[in-house]
Amino acid sequence: MEPEGLIMRWPLIGSALVVAALVTGCVTGCKPAPEDGSPQDSTVITLPEAKPGDPDAGAATIAATTPMDERVATIALLNKRNNLSQDLEMKPGETRRLDNIEIRLEACERTAPWEMPSETGAFLQVSVRDRRQANFRRIFSGWLFRNSPGLNVVEHPIYDVWVKDCAMRFPGEEAPPQE
């Protein structure tokens, strides 16, 4: 083997050794396992049970959020030709067609109020009618984020689309005021 080949492979060999040491739980100064077969460290950690409304409830909290079909996303649409903008309130699975644009909302999410940083996002599919063929051509399919509009952008010379809100509730949130 050429010296260059060994040098090029060294990071892989070094990484494999580190992983092997971590898997065995021994990096430096490891103690041999007890001869009776008992584990070296018998510390047991008991996690508390999840309670409704508990922000640390994990999966139980996720399961108690608003079901996807009951969420409502507010999507903003700007027509750059005539400078008209409008807000569309849509539920997941809904498709709206306005003039030469078609917007389909697949999902919307927002972080829980106790999580930081807060973020709101929606998975959209945007199609625009092709003037020459009279059929719709998909120009965007992906997640759009309210606080990070530059992360994913609907690139089109006429239309601009962005997410404004995703209405959903989490356990422990106050009920909205009734009118």
C-alpha atoms as a PDB file:
ATOM      1  CA  MET A   1       0.000   0.000   0.000  1.00  0.00           C
ATOM      2  CA  GLU A   2       1.251   3.450  -0.888  1.00  0.00           C
ATOM      3  CA  PRO A   3       1.881   5.908   1.945  1.00  0.00           C
ATOM      4  CA  GLU A   4      -0.648   8.369   0.439  1.00  0.00           C
ATOM      5  CA  GLY A   5      -3.369   5.688   0.540  1.00  0.00           C
ATOM      6  CA  LEU A   6      -2.706   5.027   4.220  1.00  0.00           C
ATOM      7  CA  ILE A   7      -2.797   8.731   5.005  1.00  0.00           C
ATOM      8  CA  MET A   8      -6.065   9.150   3.114  1.00  0.00           C
ATOM      9  CA  ARG A   9      -7.628   6.242   5.032  1.00  0.00           C
ATOM     10  CA  TRP A  10      -6.340   7.302   8.486  1.00  0.00           C
ATOM     11  CA  PRO A  11      -9.408   9.413   9.382  1.00  0.00           C
ATOM     12  CA  LEU A  12     -11.602   6.382   8.662  1.00  0.00           C
ATOM     13  CA  ILE A  13      -9.383   4.060  10.724  1.00  0.00           C
ATOM     14  CA  GLY A  14      -9.195   6.593  13.563  1.00  0.00           C
ATOM     15  CA  SER A  15     -12.974   7.059  13.529  1.00  0.00           C
ATOM     16  CA  ALA A  16     -13.519   3.305  13.626  1.00  0.00           C
ATOM     17  CA  LEU A  17     -11.228   3.006  16.678  1.00  0.00           C
ATOM     18  CA  VAL A  18     -13.050   5.816  18.497  1.00  0.00           C
ATOM     19  CA  VAL A  19     -16.431   4.218  17.767  1.00  0.00           C
ATOM     20  CA  ALA A  20     -15.189   0.830  18.969  1.00  0.00           C
ATOM     21  CA  ALA A  21     -13.915   2.400  22.202  1.00  0.00           C
ATOM     22  CA  LEU A  22     -17.214   4.187  22.782  1.00  0.00           C
ATOM     23  CA  VAL A  23     -19.262   1.056  22.083  1.00  0.00           C
ATOM     24  CA  THR A  24     -17.281  -0.943  24.577  1.00  0.00           C
ATOM     25  CA  GLY A  25     -17.500   1.965  27.014  1.00  0.00           C
ATOM     26  CA  CYS A  26     -13.749   2.150  27.417  1.00  0.00           C
ATOM     27  CA  VAL A  27     -11.559   5.022  26.338  1.00  0.00           C
ATOM     28  CA  THR A  28      -8.855   5.239  29.027  1.00  0.00           C
ATOM     29  CA  GLY A  29      -8.426   3.547  32.371  1.00  0.00           C
ATOM     30  CA  CYS A  30     -11.273   1.057  31.990  1.00  0.00           C
ATOM     31  CA  LYS A  31     -12.022  -1.289  34.840  1.00  0.00           C
ATOM     32  CA  PRO A  32     -12.490  -4.953  34.074  1.00  0.00           C
ATOM     33  CA  ALA A  33     -16.048  -6.274  34.416  1.00  0.00           C
ATOM     34  CA  PRO A  34     -16.836  -8.048  37.693  1.00  0.00           C
ATOM     35  CA  GLU A  35     -16.291 -11.793  37.522  1.00  0.00           C
ATOM     36  CA  ASP A  36     -19.801 -12.607  38.749  1.00  0.00           C
ATOM     37  CA  GLY A  37     -21.303 -11.147  35.542  1.00  0.00           C
ATOM     38  CA  SER A  38     -23.109  -8.247  37.271  1.00  0.00           C
ATOM     39  CA  PRO A  39     -22.985  -4.873  35.531  1.00  0.00           C
ATOM     40  CA  GLN A  40     -20.284  -2.417  36.557  1.00  0.00           C
ATOM     41  CA  ASP A  41     -22.722   0.387  37.273  1.00  0.00           C
ATOM     42  CA  SER A  42     -26.113  -0.608  38.564  1.00  0.00           C
ATOM     43  CA  THR A  43     -27.586   2.895  38.753  1.00  0.00           C
ATOM     44  CA  VAL A  44     -31.248   2.835  37.776  1.00  0.00           C
ATOM     45  CA  ILE A  45     -32.966   6.002  36.674  1.00  0.00           C
ATOM     46  CA  THR A  46     -36.742   6.059  36.997  1.00  0.00           C
ATOM     47  CA  LEU A  47     -38.523   8.593  34.816  1.00  0.00           C
ATOM     48  CA  PRO A  48     -41.742  10.164  36.090  1.00  0.00           C
ATOM     49  CA  GLU A  49     -44.978   9.283  34.324  1.00  0.00           C
ATOM     50  CA  ALA A  50     -46.292  11.796  31.832  1.00  0.00           C
ATOM     51  CA  LYS A  51     -49.197  13.922  33.043  1.00  0.00           C
ATOM     52  CA  PRO A  52     -51.581  15.822  30.761  1.00  0.00           C
ATOM     53  CA  GLY A  53     -50.462  19.419  30.370  1.00  0.00           C
ATOM     54  CA  ASP A  54     -46.922  18.653  31.535  1.00  0.00           C
ATOM     55  CA  PRO A  55     -44.476  20.338  29.113  1.00  0.00           C
ATOM     56  CA  ASP A  56     -41.993  17.518  29.716  1.00  0.00           C
ATOM     57  CA  ALA A  57     -44.494  14.818  28.836  1.00  0.00           C
ATOM     58  CA  GLY A  58     -42.733  14.024  25.536  1.00  0.00           C
ATOM     59  CA  ALA A  59     -44.675  11.656  23.287  1.00  0.00           C
ATOM     60  CA  ALA A  60     -47.824  11.982  25.398  1.00  0.00           C
ATOM     61  CA  THR A  61     -47.831  15.730  24.686  1.00  0.00           C
ATOM     62  CA  ILE A  62     -47.336  15.187  20.971  1.00  0.00           C
ATOM     63  CA  ALA A  63     -50.231  12.723  20.854  1.00  0.00           C
ATOM     64  CA  ALA A  64     -52.543  15.239  22.582  1.00  0.00           C
ATOM     65  CA  THR A  65     -51.966  18.115  20.121  1.00  0.00           C
ATOM     66  CA  THR A  66     -54.528  19.181  17.561  1.00  0.00           C
ATOM     67  CA  PRO A  67     -55.013  16.457  14.903  1.00  0.00           C
ATOM     68  CA  MET A  68     -53.665  17.411  11.487  1.00  0.00           C
ATOM     69  CA  ASP A  69     -57.100  17.580   9.836  1.00  0.00           C
ATOM     70  CA  GLU A  70     -58.294  20.156  12.416  1.00  0.00           C
ATOM     71  CA  ARG A  71     -55.394  22.577  11.975  1.00  0.00           C
ATOM     72  CA  VAL A  72     -55.766  25.746   9.933  1.00  0.00           C
ATOM     73  CA  ALA A  73     -52.864  27.427   8.164  1.00  0.00           C
ATOM     74  CA  THR A  74     -52.839  31.026   7.015  1.00  0.00           C
ATOM     75  CA  ILE A  75     -50.916  31.291   3.752  1.00  0.00           C
ATOM     76  CA  ALA A  76     -50.146  34.667   2.164  1.00  0.00           C
ATOM     77  CA  LEU A  77     -50.124  35.060  -1.614  1.00  0.00           C
ATOM     78  CA  LEU A  78     -48.728  38.093  -3.440  1.00  0.00           C
ATOM     79  CA  ASN A  79     -49.275  38.771  -7.128  1.00  0.00           C
ATOM     80  CA  LYS A  80     -46.275  40.919  -8.087  1.00  0.00           C
ATOM     81  CA  ARG A  81     -47.878  42.131 -11.325  1.00  0.00           C
ATOM     82  CA  ASN A  82     -50.734  44.002  -9.694  1.00  0.00           C
ATOM     83  CA  ASN A  83     -49.335  44.158  -6.131  1.00  0.00           C
ATOM     84  CA  LEU A  84     -52.405  42.426  -4.693  1.00  0.00           C
ATOM     85  CA  SER A  85     -51.941  40.190  -1.701  1.00  0.00           C
ATOM     86  CA  GLN A  86     -54.413  37.954   0.053  1.00  0.00           C
ATOM     87  CA  ASP A  87     -54.472  35.567   2.967  1.00  0.00           C
ATOM     88  CA  LEU A  88     -55.739  32.048   2.405  1.00  0.00           C
ATOM     89  CA  GLU A  89     -56.967  29.995   5.352  1.00  0.00           C
ATOM     90  CA  MET A  90     -56.527  26.343   4.453  1.00  0.00           C
ATOM     91  CA  LYS A  91     -56.749  22.958   6.133  1.00  0.00           C
ATOM     92  CA  PRO A  92     -54.254  20.173   5.363  1.00  0.00           C
ATOM     93  CA  GLY A  93     -55.259  18.327   2.201  1.00  0.00           C
ATOM     94  CA  GLU A  94     -57.017  21.385   0.775  1.00  0.00           C
ATOM     95  CA  THR A  95     -56.151  22.879  -2.629  1.00  0.00           C
ATOM     96  CA  ARG A  96     -56.933  26.446  -3.711  1.00  0.00           C
ATOM     97  CA  ARG A  97     -56.782  27.684  -7.298  1.00  0.00           C
ATOM     98  CA  LEU A  98     -56.647  31.451  -7.907  1.00  0.00           C
ATOM     99  CA  ASP A  99     -56.210  32.655 -11.469  1.00  0.00           C
ATOM    100  CA  ASN A 100     -53.048  30.930 -12.707  1.00  0.00           C
ATOM    101  CA  ILE A 101     -51.764  29.559  -9.393  1.00  0.00           C
ATOM    102  CA  GLU A 102     -52.721  26.469  -7.422  1.00  0.00           C
ATOM    103  CA  ILE A 103     -51.657  25.995  -3.778  1.00  0.00           C
ATOM    104  CA  ARG A 104     -52.027  22.708  -1.913  1.00  0.00           C
ATOM    105  CA  LEU A 105     -51.446  22.514   1.840  1.00  0.00           C
ATOM    106  CA  GLU A 106     -50.213  19.107   2.969  1.00  0.00           C
ATOM    107  CA  ALA A 107     -49.388  19.889   6.626  1.00  0.00           C
ATOM    108  CA  CYS A 108     -48.794  22.701   9.059  1.00  0.00           C
ATOM    109  CA  GLU A 109     -46.903  22.699  12.360  1.00  0.00           C
ATOM    110  CA  ARG A 110     -45.756  25.074  15.025  1.00  0.00           C
ATOM    111  CA  THR A 111     -43.569  24.578  18.038  1.00  0.00           C
ATOM    112  CA  ALA A 112     -45.178  24.313  21.439  1.00  0.00           C
ATOM    113  CA  PRO A 113     -45.424  27.620  23.339  1.00  0.00           C
ATOM    114  CA  TRP A 114     -42.844  26.482  25.891  1.00  0.00           C
ATOM    115  CA  GLU A 115     -40.237  25.589  23.250  1.00  0.00           C
ATOM    116  CA  MET A 116     -37.703  28.139  22.104  1.00  0.00           C
ATOM    117  CA  PRO A 117     -37.116  29.301  19.475  1.00  0.00           C
ATOM    118  CA  SER A 118     -40.710  29.305  18.301  1.00  0.00           C
ATOM    119  CA  GLU A 119     -41.309  28.387  14.671  1.00  0.00           C
ATOM    120  CA  THR A 120     -44.293  27.952  12.377  1.00  0.00           C
ATOM    121  CA  GLY A 121     -44.138  26.003   9.133  1.00  0.00           C
ATOM    122  CA  ALA A 122     -46.269  24.513   6.407  1.00  0.00           C
ATOM    123  CA  PHE A 123     -45.637  21.898   3.741  1.00  0.00           C
ATOM    124  CA  LEU A 124     -46.938  23.354   0.478  1.00  0.00           C
ATOM    125  CA  GLN A 125     -47.101  22.386  -3.146  1.00  0.00           C
ATOM    126  CA  VAL A 126     -47.366  25.322  -5.534  1.00  0.00           C
ATOM    127  CA  SER A 127     -48.238  24.939  -9.207  1.00  0.00           C
ATOM    128  CA  VAL A 128     -48.573  27.633 -11.885  1.00  0.00           C
ATOM    129  CA  ARG A 129     -50.494  27.419 -15.157  1.00  0.00           C
ATOM    130  CA  ASP A 130     -48.180  27.299 -18.146  1.00  0.00           C
ATOM    131  CA  ARG A 131     -49.462  29.805 -20.716  1.00  0.00           C
ATOM    132  CA  ARG A 132     -48.416  27.707 -23.684  1.00  0.00           C
ATOM    133  CA  GLN A 133     -49.884  24.379 -22.595  1.00  0.00           C
ATOM    134  CA  ALA A 134     -52.816  25.450 -20.364  1.00  0.00           C
ATOM    135  CA  ASN A 135     -51.852  22.878 -17.707  1.00  0.00           C
ATOM    136  CA  PHE A 136     -50.332  23.413 -14.263  1.00  0.00           C
ATOM    137  CA  ARG A 137     -46.610  22.965 -13.663  1.00  0.00           C
ATOM    138  CA  ARG A 138     -45.272  22.441 -10.117  1.00  0.00           C
ATOM    139  CA  ILE A 139     -42.790  25.142  -9.156  1.00  0.00           C
ATOM    140  CA  PHE A 140     -42.399  24.329  -5.455  1.00  0.00           C
ATOM    141  CA  SER A 141     -42.905  21.420  -3.080  1.00  0.00           C
ATOM    142  CA  GLY A 142     -41.557  21.644   0.446  1.00  0.00           C
ATOM    143  CA  TRP A 143     -41.643  23.273   3.855  1.00  0.00           C
ATOM    144  CA  LEU A 144     -41.936  27.043   4.224  1.00  0.00           C
ATOM    145  CA  PHE A 145     -41.092  28.585   7.613  1.00  0.00           C
ATOM    146  CA  ARG A 146     -42.476  31.835   8.977  1.00  0.00           C
ATOM    147  CA  ASN A 147     -39.351  32.920  10.881  1.00  0.00           C
ATOM    148  CA  SER A 148     -36.928  31.670   8.226  1.00  0.00           C
ATOM    149  CA  PRO A 149     -38.413  32.778   4.897  1.00  0.00           C
ATOM    150  CA  GLY A 150     -35.055  32.534   3.146  1.00  0.00           C
ATOM    151  CA  LEU A 151     -34.581  28.872   4.034  1.00  0.00           C
ATOM    152  CA  ASN A 152     -36.977  27.709   1.312  1.00  0.00           C
ATOM    153  CA  VAL A 153     -38.327  30.152  -1.219  1.00  0.00           C
ATOM    154  CA  VAL A 154     -41.059  29.898  -3.826  1.00  0.00           C
ATOM    155  CA  GLU A 155     -39.106  31.242  -6.787  1.00  0.00           C
ATOM    156  CA  HIS A 156     -41.448  32.675  -9.385  1.00  0.00           C
ATOM    157  CA  PRO A 157     -41.400  35.992 -11.274  1.00  0.00           C
ATOM    158  CA  ILE A 158     -45.113  36.703 -10.652  1.00  0.00           C
ATOM    159  CA  TYR A 159     -46.131  35.005  -7.393  1.00  0.00           C
ATOM    160  CA  ASP A 160     -44.742  35.045  -3.880  1.00  0.00           C
ATOM    161  CA  VAL A 161     -46.073  32.630  -1.238  1.00  0.00           C
ATOM    162  CA  TRP A 162     -45.264  32.523   2.478  1.00  0.00           C
ATOM    163  CA  VAL A 163     -46.606  31.131   5.760  1.00  0.00           C
ATOM    164  CA  LYS A 164     -48.221  33.433   8.304  1.00  0.00           C
ATOM    165  CA  ASP A 165     -49.668  31.048  10.905  1.00  0.00           C
ATOM    166  CA  CYS A 166     -50.706  27.528  11.814  1.00  0.00           C
ATOM    167  CA  ALA A 167     -53.652  27.453  14.215  1.00  0.00           C
ATOM    168  CA  MET A 168     -53.358  24.475  16.524  1.00  0.00           C
ATOM    169  CA  ARG A 169     -53.524  23.842  20.255  1.00  0.00           C
ATOM    170  CA  PHE A 170     -51.292  22.076  22.729  1.00  0.00           C
ATOM    171  CA  PRO A 171     -52.223  20.568  26.088  1.00  0.00           C
ATOM    172  CA  GLY A 172     -52.034  23.115  28.885  1.00  0.00           C
ATOM    173  CA  GLU A 173     -52.705  26.125  26.660  1.00  0.00           C
ATOM    174  CA  GLU A 174     -55.465  28.483  27.668  1.00  0.00           C
ATOM    175  CA  ALA A 175     -58.732  28.131  25.842  1.00  0.00           C
ATOM    176  CA  PRO A 176     -59.302  30.970  23.366  1.00  0.00           C
ATOM    177  CA  PRO A 177     -61.745  33.644  24.583  1.00  0.00           C
ATOM    178  CA  GLN A 178     -65.301  32.932  23.452  1.00  0.00           C
ATOM    179  CA  GLU A 179     -67.167  35.739  21.807  1.00  0.00           C
END
